[in-house]
Protein backbone atom coordinates (compact mmCIF):
# COMPACT_ATOMS: atom_id res chain seq x y z
CA MET A 1 268.20 -88.24 122.88
CA MET A 2 270.84 -89.87 120.66
CA LEU A 3 273.82 -88.07 119.16
CA CYS A 4 272.33 -88.15 115.69
CA ASP A 5 269.11 -86.75 117.14
CA THR A 6 270.97 -83.78 118.66
CA LEU A 7 272.62 -82.96 115.33
CA GLU A 8 269.31 -83.36 113.53
CA MET A 9 267.63 -80.96 115.98
CA TRP A 10 270.40 -78.41 115.41
CA THR A 11 269.80 -78.71 111.67
CA GLN A 12 266.09 -78.16 112.26
CA PHE A 13 266.89 -75.08 114.35
CA LEU A 14 268.96 -73.71 111.46
CA GLU A 15 266.03 -74.22 109.09
CA PHE A 16 263.75 -72.45 111.58
CA ALA A 17 266.16 -69.53 111.92
CA LYS A 18 266.41 -69.11 108.14
CA THR A 19 262.67 -68.48 107.93
CA HIS A 20 262.56 -66.12 110.91
CA CYS A 21 265.32 -63.63 110.15
CA SER A 22 266.75 -61.82 107.15
CA LYS A 23 269.43 -63.35 104.94
CA THR A 24 271.91 -60.75 106.16
CA ALA A 25 271.22 -61.51 109.81
CA PHE A 26 271.44 -65.25 109.22
CA GLY A 27 274.72 -64.86 107.33
CA ASN A 28 276.22 -62.58 109.98
CA TRP A 29 275.12 -64.35 113.12
CA ILE A 30 274.11 -67.98 112.60
CA ALA A 31 275.82 -69.33 109.47
CA PRO A 32 279.35 -68.96 110.96
CA ILE A 33 278.49 -71.31 113.87
CA VAL A 34 280.12 -74.76 113.71
CA VAL A 35 279.11 -77.82 115.75
CA LEU A 36 282.23 -79.19 117.48
CA GLU A 37 280.59 -81.91 119.54
CA ALA A 38 277.09 -83.16 120.34
CA THR A 39 275.91 -85.57 123.01
CA GLU A 40 272.57 -86.44 124.52
CA GLU A 41 273.09 -83.80 127.24
CA LEU A 42 275.20 -81.10 125.57
CA ILE A 43 276.03 -79.51 122.25
CA THR A 44 279.30 -77.60 121.80
CA LEU A 45 279.29 -74.78 119.26
CA GLN A 46 282.30 -72.95 117.87
CA ILE A 47 281.66 -69.24 117.29
CA PRO A 48 283.86 -66.56 115.71
CA ASN A 49 283.42 -64.10 118.62
CA ILE A 50 281.49 -63.55 121.84
CA PHE A 51 278.96 -61.29 120.08
CA VAL A 52 277.46 -64.28 118.26
CA LYS A 53 276.76 -65.99 121.59
CA GLU A 54 275.04 -62.85 122.91
CA TYR A 55 272.94 -62.55 119.77
CA LEU A 56 271.89 -66.21 119.80
CA LEU A 57 270.84 -66.21 123.47
CA ALA A 58 269.17 -62.80 123.28
CA ASN A 59 267.06 -63.65 120.22
CA TYR A 60 266.62 -67.43 120.13
CA LYS A 61 266.91 -68.71 123.70
CA LYS A 62 263.32 -69.99 123.77
CA GLU A 63 263.74 -71.75 120.42
CA LEU A 64 267.06 -73.29 121.48
CA CYS A 65 265.27 -74.79 124.50
CA SER A 66 262.68 -76.26 122.14
CA PHE A 67 265.13 -77.81 119.68
CA LEU A 68 268.14 -78.74 121.85
CA PRO A 69 268.78 -80.44 125.21
CA VAL A 70 268.14 -78.33 128.33
CA ASN A 71 269.86 -78.43 131.73
CA VAL A 72 268.27 -78.76 135.17
CA ASP A 73 267.62 -75.00 135.26
CA GLY A 74 265.63 -75.13 132.03
CA GLU A 75 268.41 -73.33 130.12
CA PRO A 76 269.66 -74.52 126.71
CA SER A 77 272.47 -76.99 127.29
CA VAL A 78 274.93 -75.33 124.95
CA GLN A 79 278.64 -74.76 125.39
CA PHE A 80 280.25 -72.00 123.32
CA VAL A 81 283.88 -72.03 122.22
CA VAL A 82 285.37 -68.92 120.62
CA ALA A 83 287.51 -69.86 117.64
CA ALA A 84 291.24 -69.17 117.87
CA PRO A 85 292.56 -66.47 115.50
CA SER A 86 294.09 -69.11 113.22
CA GLU A 87 290.77 -70.92 112.98
CA GLN A 88 288.75 -67.80 112.19
CA LYS A 89 289.92 -67.88 108.57
CA GLN A 90 287.14 -70.37 107.90
CA PHE A 91 284.54 -67.79 108.86
CA SER A 92 285.50 -65.12 106.35
CA ALA A 93 287.84 -64.65 103.45
CA PRO A 94 290.50 -61.93 103.87
CA LYS A 95 289.84 -58.66 102.13
CA ALA A 96 292.19 -56.17 100.63
CA PRO A 97 293.05 -53.26 102.96
CA VAL A 98 291.03 -50.08 102.51
CA THR A 99 292.81 -46.83 103.14
CA THR A 100 290.65 -43.86 102.13
CA ALA A 101 287.78 -42.45 104.18
CA GLU A 102 285.37 -42.78 101.26
CA GLU A 103 286.25 -46.45 100.78
CA THR A 104 285.84 -47.02 104.49
CA LYS A 105 282.45 -45.33 104.48
CA SER A 106 281.30 -47.55 101.63
CA GLN A 107 281.65 -50.56 103.94
CA VAL A 108 279.72 -48.95 106.81
CA HIS A 109 275.96 -49.27 106.69
CA GLU A 110 274.13 -45.96 106.43
CA ILE A 111 270.39 -45.36 106.45
CA LYS A 112 269.30 -43.19 103.53
CA LEU A 113 267.41 -40.14 104.70
CA ASN A 114 263.70 -40.25 103.86
CA PRO A 115 263.05 -37.39 101.38
CA ASN A 116 259.60 -36.82 102.92
CA TYR A 117 260.96 -36.38 106.44
CA ARG A 118 261.76 -32.67 106.67
CA PHE A 119 261.13 -29.94 109.20
CA GLU A 120 258.73 -28.31 106.72
CA THR A 121 256.49 -31.40 106.63
CA PHE A 122 256.51 -32.01 110.40
CA ILE A 123 253.16 -30.97 111.90
CA GLU A 124 253.84 -29.04 115.07
CA GLY A 125 251.69 -29.11 118.22
CA PRO A 126 252.00 -28.58 121.99
CA THR A 127 253.38 -32.11 122.58
CA ASN A 128 256.20 -31.94 120.02
CA GLN A 129 256.94 -28.21 119.75
CA PHE A 130 259.86 -28.34 122.19
CA VAL A 131 261.47 -31.33 120.44
CA LYS A 132 261.23 -29.67 117.03
CA SER A 133 262.70 -26.40 118.34
CA ALA A 134 265.59 -28.27 119.98
CA ALA A 135 266.28 -30.24 116.78
CA ILE A 136 266.31 -27.04 114.68
CA GLY A 137 268.74 -25.50 117.16
CA VAL A 138 271.05 -28.52 116.78
CA ALA A 139 270.73 -28.47 112.98
CA LYS A 140 271.83 -24.83 112.85
CA ARG A 141 274.82 -25.25 115.17
CA PRO A 142 275.89 -28.94 115.26
CA GLY A 143 278.10 -29.72 118.22
CA HIS A 144 277.48 -26.37 119.91
CA SER A 145 273.80 -26.28 120.95
CA TYR A 146 272.64 -29.41 122.76
CA ASN A 147 275.04 -32.31 122.66
CA PRO A 148 273.95 -35.01 122.81
CA LEU A 149 270.29 -34.47 121.97
CA PHE A 150 268.24 -37.41 123.25
CA ILE A 151 264.66 -37.66 121.91
CA HIS A 152 262.26 -40.18 123.46
CA GLY A 153 258.61 -41.06 122.97
CA GLY A 154 256.25 -43.84 121.97
CA VAL A 155 256.07 -45.66 118.64
CA GLY A 156 254.94 -43.66 115.62
CA LEU A 157 255.09 -40.18 117.14
CA GLY A 158 257.67 -38.64 114.79
CA LYS A 159 261.09 -39.38 116.30
CA THR A 160 262.52 -40.72 113.03
CA HIS A 161 260.92 -37.82 111.14
CA ILE A 162 262.78 -35.35 113.37
CA LEU A 163 266.04 -37.32 113.07
CA HIS A 164 265.95 -37.38 109.26
CA SER A 165 264.86 -33.73 109.11
CA LEU A 166 267.94 -32.84 111.10
CA GLY A 167 270.14 -34.78 108.71
CA HIS A 168 268.62 -33.12 105.64
CA HIS A 169 269.06 -29.63 107.10
CA ILE A 170 272.73 -30.12 108.01
CA ARG A 171 273.62 -31.70 104.66
CA GLU A 172 271.97 -28.87 102.74
CA GLN A 173 273.13 -25.95 104.88
CA GLN A 174 276.58 -27.25 105.86
CA PRO A 175 277.62 -29.70 103.11
CA SER A 176 281.18 -29.87 104.39
CA LEU A 177 280.00 -31.75 107.49
CA ARG A 178 279.89 -35.54 107.27
CA VAL A 179 276.54 -36.89 108.52
CA GLN A 180 275.97 -40.55 109.39
CA CYS A 181 272.42 -41.77 110.08
CA ILE A 182 272.07 -45.33 111.38
CA THR A 183 269.74 -47.55 113.37
CA THR A 184 271.12 -49.35 116.41
CA GLU A 185 270.60 -52.66 114.62
CA ALA A 186 272.68 -51.39 111.69
CA PHE A 187 275.47 -50.37 114.07
CA ILE A 188 275.49 -53.86 115.62
CA ASN A 189 275.56 -55.50 112.18
CA ASP A 190 278.43 -53.21 111.14
CA LEU A 191 280.36 -54.26 114.21
CA VAL A 192 279.81 -57.96 113.52
CA ASP A 193 280.75 -57.60 109.82
CA ASN A 194 283.99 -55.84 110.69
CA LEU A 195 284.86 -58.38 113.36
CA ARG A 196 284.41 -61.17 110.81
CA ASN A 197 286.43 -59.30 108.20
CA LYS A 198 289.14 -58.36 110.70
CA SER A 199 288.58 -54.69 109.92
CA ILE A 200 287.37 -53.52 113.33
CA ASP A 201 290.12 -50.87 113.57
CA ARG A 202 288.93 -49.39 110.29
CA MET A 203 285.37 -49.20 111.59
CA LYS A 204 286.48 -47.58 114.84
CA ARG A 205 288.48 -45.01 112.90
CA PHE A 206 285.48 -44.19 110.74
CA TYR A 207 282.97 -43.78 113.57
CA ARG A 208 285.34 -41.95 115.89
CA THR A 209 287.16 -39.61 113.51
CA ASP A 210 285.62 -39.58 110.01
CA ILE A 211 282.13 -38.25 110.82
CA ASP A 212 280.92 -34.93 112.24
CA VAL A 213 277.26 -35.71 113.01
CA LEU A 214 275.99 -39.10 114.19
CA LEU A 215 272.23 -39.75 114.14
CA VAL A 216 271.21 -42.97 115.92
CA ASP A 217 267.65 -44.34 115.81
CA ASP A 218 266.13 -46.76 118.37
CA ILE A 219 268.91 -46.97 120.95
CA GLN A 220 266.67 -49.26 123.07
CA PHE A 221 267.82 -52.19 120.91
CA LEU A 222 271.23 -51.88 122.55
CA GLN A 223 269.78 -53.19 125.83
CA ASN A 224 271.17 -56.48 127.20
CA ARG A 225 274.06 -56.48 124.71
CA LEU A 226 276.98 -55.61 126.93
CA ASN A 227 279.86 -55.92 124.45
CA PHE A 228 278.06 -53.88 121.78
CA GLU A 229 277.13 -51.34 124.43
CA GLU A 230 280.74 -50.92 125.49
CA GLU A 231 281.88 -50.25 121.92
CA PHE A 232 279.03 -47.77 121.38
CA CYS A 233 279.91 -45.96 124.61
CA ASN A 234 283.57 -45.68 123.59
CA MET A 235 282.53 -44.28 120.22
CA PHE A 236 280.10 -41.90 121.94
CA GLU A 237 282.78 -40.49 124.23
CA ALA A 238 285.28 -40.10 121.40
CA LEU A 239 282.83 -38.05 119.34
CA ILE A 240 281.66 -35.90 122.26
CA ASN A 241 285.26 -35.11 123.22
CA GLN A 242 285.79 -33.78 119.68
CA ASN A 243 282.59 -31.65 119.83
CA LYS A 244 281.00 -33.88 117.19
CA GLN A 245 277.18 -33.79 117.32
CA ILE A 246 275.22 -36.84 118.45
CA VAL A 247 271.42 -37.21 118.27
CA ILE A 248 269.74 -40.33 119.67
CA THR A 249 266.12 -41.52 119.65
CA SER A 250 264.51 -44.04 121.97
CA ASP A 251 261.11 -45.27 123.10
CA LYS A 252 262.08 -44.52 126.72
CA PRO A 253 264.09 -41.86 128.57
CA PRO A 254 267.72 -42.80 129.40
CA ALA A 255 267.03 -43.65 133.05
CA GLN A 256 264.45 -46.29 132.06
CA LEU A 257 266.73 -48.12 129.62
CA LYS A 258 268.45 -51.31 130.74
CA LEU A 259 271.90 -49.97 130.00
CA SER A 260 274.97 -49.34 132.14
CA GLU A 261 275.12 -46.29 134.39
CA ARG A 262 278.08 -45.11 132.37
CA ILE A 263 276.23 -44.81 129.07
CA ILE A 264 273.04 -43.51 130.70
CA ALA A 265 275.05 -40.72 132.30
CA ARG A 266 276.63 -39.90 128.93
CA MET A 267 273.23 -39.69 127.22
CA GLU A 268 271.93 -37.40 129.96
CA TRP A 269 274.83 -34.98 129.50
CA GLY A 270 273.02 -32.85 126.96
CA LEU A 271 269.31 -32.30 126.42
CA VAL A 272 266.67 -34.99 126.97
CA ALA A 273 263.44 -34.10 125.13
CA HIS A 274 260.12 -35.93 125.18
CA ILE A 275 257.77 -36.17 122.21
CA GLY A 276 254.22 -36.97 123.30
CA LEU A 277 250.93 -38.07 121.78
CA PRO A 278 249.50 -35.31 119.56
CA GLU A 279 246.36 -33.68 120.95
CA LEU A 280 243.09 -33.53 118.98
CA GLU A 281 243.76 -30.40 116.90
CA THR A 282 247.23 -31.62 115.91
CA ARG A 283 245.82 -35.01 114.89
CA VAL A 284 243.29 -33.23 112.66
CA ALA A 285 246.09 -31.19 111.07
CA ILE A 286 248.18 -34.33 110.52
CA LEU A 287 245.27 -36.16 108.88
CA GLN A 288 244.54 -33.31 106.49
CA HIS A 289 248.22 -32.77 105.68
CA LYS A 290 248.83 -36.47 104.93
CA ALA A 291 245.68 -36.56 102.82
CA ARG A 292 246.71 -33.52 100.75
CA GLN A 293 250.05 -35.19 100.05
CA ARG A 294 248.04 -37.96 98.36
CA GLY A 295 245.73 -35.62 96.51
CA LEU A 296 242.83 -36.25 98.90
CA GLU A 297 240.81 -33.59 100.70
CA ILE A 298 239.31 -34.67 104.02
CA PRO A 299 236.38 -32.48 105.13
CA HIS A 300 236.78 -30.93 108.56
CA LYS A 301 233.89 -32.92 110.04
CA ILE A 302 235.33 -36.26 108.90
CA ALA A 303 238.82 -35.27 110.04
CA PHE A 304 237.55 -34.54 113.56
CA PHE A 305 235.52 -37.79 113.54
CA LEU A 306 238.67 -39.79 112.79
CA ALA A 307 240.99 -37.79 115.06
CA GLU A 308 238.69 -38.36 118.04
CA ARG A 309 238.92 -42.12 117.54
CA LEU A 310 242.45 -42.68 116.27
CA THR A 311 244.57 -41.60 119.20
CA ASN A 312 247.45 -44.10 119.39
CA ASN A 313 250.08 -42.55 117.14
CA VAL A 314 250.78 -40.76 113.85
CA ARG A 315 251.32 -44.00 111.92
CA GLN A 316 247.76 -45.03 112.74
CA LEU A 317 246.54 -41.74 111.25
CA GLU A 318 248.69 -42.23 108.17
CA GLY A 319 247.37 -45.77 107.75
CA ALA A 320 243.81 -44.45 107.81
CA VAL A 321 244.63 -41.87 105.13
CA ASN A 322 246.25 -44.55 102.94
CA ARG A 323 243.12 -46.73 103.13
CA LEU A 324 240.79 -43.84 102.37
CA SER A 325 242.95 -42.70 99.46
CA ALA A 326 243.01 -46.22 97.99
CA HIS A 327 239.22 -46.65 98.30
CA CYS A 328 238.50 -43.28 96.71
CA ARG A 329 240.89 -43.95 93.84
CA LEU A 330 239.94 -47.56 93.13
CA MET A 331 236.20 -47.02 93.48
CA ALA A 332 236.23 -43.58 91.83
CA ALA A 333 234.05 -42.36 94.69
CA PRO A 334 234.09 -39.10 96.70
CA LEU A 335 235.09 -39.15 100.34
CA THR A 336 231.95 -39.41 102.46
CA GLU A 337 231.10 -40.56 105.98
CA ALA A 338 229.61 -43.75 104.50
CA LEU A 339 232.86 -44.53 102.66
CA VAL A 340 234.86 -43.88 105.86
CA GLU A 341 232.74 -46.42 107.75
CA VAL A 342 233.31 -49.04 105.05
CA ALA A 343 237.01 -48.39 104.43
CA LEU A 344 237.98 -48.13 108.10
CA LYS A 345 235.53 -50.63 109.58
CA GLU A 346 238.22 -52.93 110.97
CA LEU A 347 240.27 -50.03 112.27
CA LEU A 348 237.38 -48.32 114.02
CA GLN A 349 235.53 -51.32 115.42
CA ASN A 350 238.05 -51.71 118.24
CA MET A 351 237.96 -48.02 119.12
CA PRO A 352 236.03 -46.92 122.23
CA THR A 353 232.50 -45.77 121.52
CA HIS A 354 232.90 -42.71 123.69
CA ARG A 355 235.76 -40.62 125.01
CA VAL A 356 236.36 -40.30 128.72
CA THR A 357 236.49 -36.69 129.94
CA VAL A 358 238.03 -35.10 133.00
CA ASP A 359 234.54 -34.10 134.17
CA GLN A 360 233.43 -37.74 134.07
CA VAL A 361 236.45 -38.78 136.11
CA MET A 362 235.89 -36.05 138.70
CA LYS A 363 232.17 -36.82 139.07
CA SER A 364 232.80 -40.54 139.52
CA VAL A 365 235.59 -39.96 142.03
CA ALA A 366 233.47 -37.45 143.95
CA SER A 367 230.60 -39.95 144.10
CA VAL A 368 232.70 -42.88 145.35
CA PHE A 369 234.80 -40.90 147.83
CA GLN A 370 231.84 -38.73 148.91
CA VAL A 371 233.39 -35.34 148.24
CA ARG A 372 232.31 -32.46 146.04
CA VAL A 373 233.70 -31.90 142.53
CA SER A 374 234.54 -28.33 143.57
CA ASP A 375 236.74 -29.77 146.36
CA LEU A 376 238.77 -31.73 143.80
CA LYS A 377 239.52 -28.48 141.97
CA SER A 378 240.23 -26.53 145.15
CA SER A 379 243.49 -26.05 147.04
CA LEU A 380 242.26 -27.90 150.16
CA ARG A 381 244.94 -30.23 151.50
CA THR A 382 243.01 -32.24 154.06
CA LYS A 383 243.36 -36.01 153.79
CA GLU A 384 239.65 -36.36 152.96
CA VAL A 385 240.16 -34.26 149.82
CA ALA A 386 243.84 -34.76 148.92
CA ILE A 387 243.57 -38.52 148.35
CA PRO A 388 240.44 -38.35 146.10
CA ARG A 389 242.08 -35.51 144.17
CA GLN A 390 245.19 -37.61 143.57
CA VAL A 391 243.03 -40.56 142.50
CA ALA A 392 241.19 -38.33 140.03
CA MET A 393 244.52 -37.14 138.58
CA TYR A 394 245.79 -40.73 138.40
CA LEU A 395 242.68 -41.94 136.54
CA ALA A 396 242.69 -38.93 134.23
CA CYS A 397 246.26 -39.74 133.18
CA LYS A 398 245.40 -43.42 132.79
CA LEU A 399 242.13 -43.11 130.86
CA ILE A 400 242.54 -39.91 128.83
CA LYS A 401 245.14 -39.71 126.07
CA GLU A 402 245.80 -36.01 126.25
CA PRO A 403 248.97 -34.07 127.14
CA LEU A 404 249.67 -33.79 130.87
CA GLN A 405 249.68 -30.01 130.56
CA MET A 406 246.07 -30.00 129.31
CA LEU A 407 244.97 -32.46 132.01
CA GLY A 408 246.72 -30.38 134.64
CA ASN A 409 244.88 -27.25 133.50
CA ALA A 410 241.56 -29.04 134.11
CA PHE A 411 242.58 -29.50 137.76
CA GLY A 412 244.23 -26.12 138.04
CA LYS A 413 247.56 -27.88 138.60
CA THR A 414 250.88 -28.29 136.78
CA HIS A 415 251.87 -31.44 134.92
CA SER A 416 254.51 -32.17 137.59
CA THR A 417 251.73 -32.24 140.22
CA LEU A 418 249.91 -34.85 138.12
CA LEU A 419 253.05 -36.97 137.85
CA HIS A 420 253.53 -36.79 141.62
CA ALA A 421 249.89 -37.78 142.17
CA CYS A 422 250.24 -40.80 139.83
CA LYS A 423 253.35 -42.05 141.64
CA THR A 424 251.72 -41.54 145.04
CA VAL A 425 248.56 -43.44 144.09
CA GLU A 426 250.48 -46.30 142.46
CA LYS A 427 252.60 -46.65 145.60
CA ARG A 428 249.54 -46.63 147.89
CA MET A 429 247.70 -49.18 145.72
CA ALA A 430 250.52 -51.69 146.29
CA SER A 431 249.56 -51.99 149.96
CA ASP A 432 246.05 -50.49 150.32
CA GLU A 433 243.37 -52.95 149.19
CA ALA A 434 240.53 -50.63 150.18
CA LEU A 435 241.89 -47.91 147.92
CA CYS A 436 242.22 -50.41 145.05
CA ARG A 437 238.54 -51.37 145.46
CA GLN A 438 237.50 -47.72 145.43
CA ILE A 439 239.50 -47.03 142.28
CA ASN A 440 238.05 -50.09 140.56
CA MET A 441 234.57 -48.87 141.48
CA VAL A 442 235.30 -45.46 139.95
CA GLU A 443 236.53 -47.09 136.72
CA ARG A 444 233.41 -49.26 136.49
CA ASN A 445 231.20 -46.21 136.95
CA ILE A 446 233.04 -44.40 134.18
CA ALA A 447 232.79 -47.42 131.84
CA ILE A 448 228.98 -47.61 132.06
CA GLN A 449 228.38 -43.89 131.60
């Protein structure tokens, strides 16, 4: 690869990056990079700070390997040089100093609270009742109830809804408190902007002293970004030490995040609350509530038909309502089962044709392991019964999207017993091939029922 080829490939990478990220991200992260030197084996890039290197390798490592030379380890052959303070003038023009808190806030990115995300519009059920109650407690007494409040759960289950509801409540009931709602990505972009503009002290002052309630969405995006993580942790500790309220959402509990022990311990200080998949009745209520918001009435029979098949998350339910509302409005037709099949054909065609039940799981396990179904529900602890019972609990958790509490009731056990059974079976499967074959046989029997 010739020198000119290396430069040309870098130019092509820049063109690729422009079409695969927002203008703001490109301007913040990639545009400031300057090529200092390029050879057949190595390209040297000047960057304004170490954060740009982390961003580039975390988000575009695969593409860099495709466009630029690679070393013997298959890594992009790139050398990064952080610009000296005197050279950083080329990256950003100096700005006039800002002194007031309001002017400082105007330069810090804030997510506007969704007007539809309020406690009153949040449909409550067994899997989210605890989270909602905890959030209301925090909203009534910020900094004094549960601090921090850490909410975790899968995509589209209502974490952002709860976060924005909290913000609305505090702003309306305690207007003197300063509330800041941000995503983790917005926090990272704020940090980069202020580093480029040489206003990092101003940003630190704002986040650490000028706000009373910090609401942070999607903390999982802080993973593998050590320098950003350190700044966030320092901010976190400063706010907590002043009894300022912090609420964080994530798709995983703190212990499962790839973050430092220090920040994980900080996030586990307060209350960690899980928001789970809504059960059938709650999904029906969500469907009908979302439909009424759009002036559409979904008959009970149709609502149950959809709720039994759309089990992934609340956004999937909302998407179904949007499609039905559009079809009814554009075609001037009433909502019928026939219209549902037409409007949601693509959505429903990948759904299972039947729902797996706990009874099916127990019968299949009993047949393969040659025990009685009544034994699986009993308190017998012999090896001949205990292992099949644990397998039945494991498969129930794997194949049935219902709250652990409801599944546990079917076995006459607590949800913690189910979790223990799942861990035990997974551990045994790693070294017991015979058990794996038995479990596979049970799953095949269930699939053909």
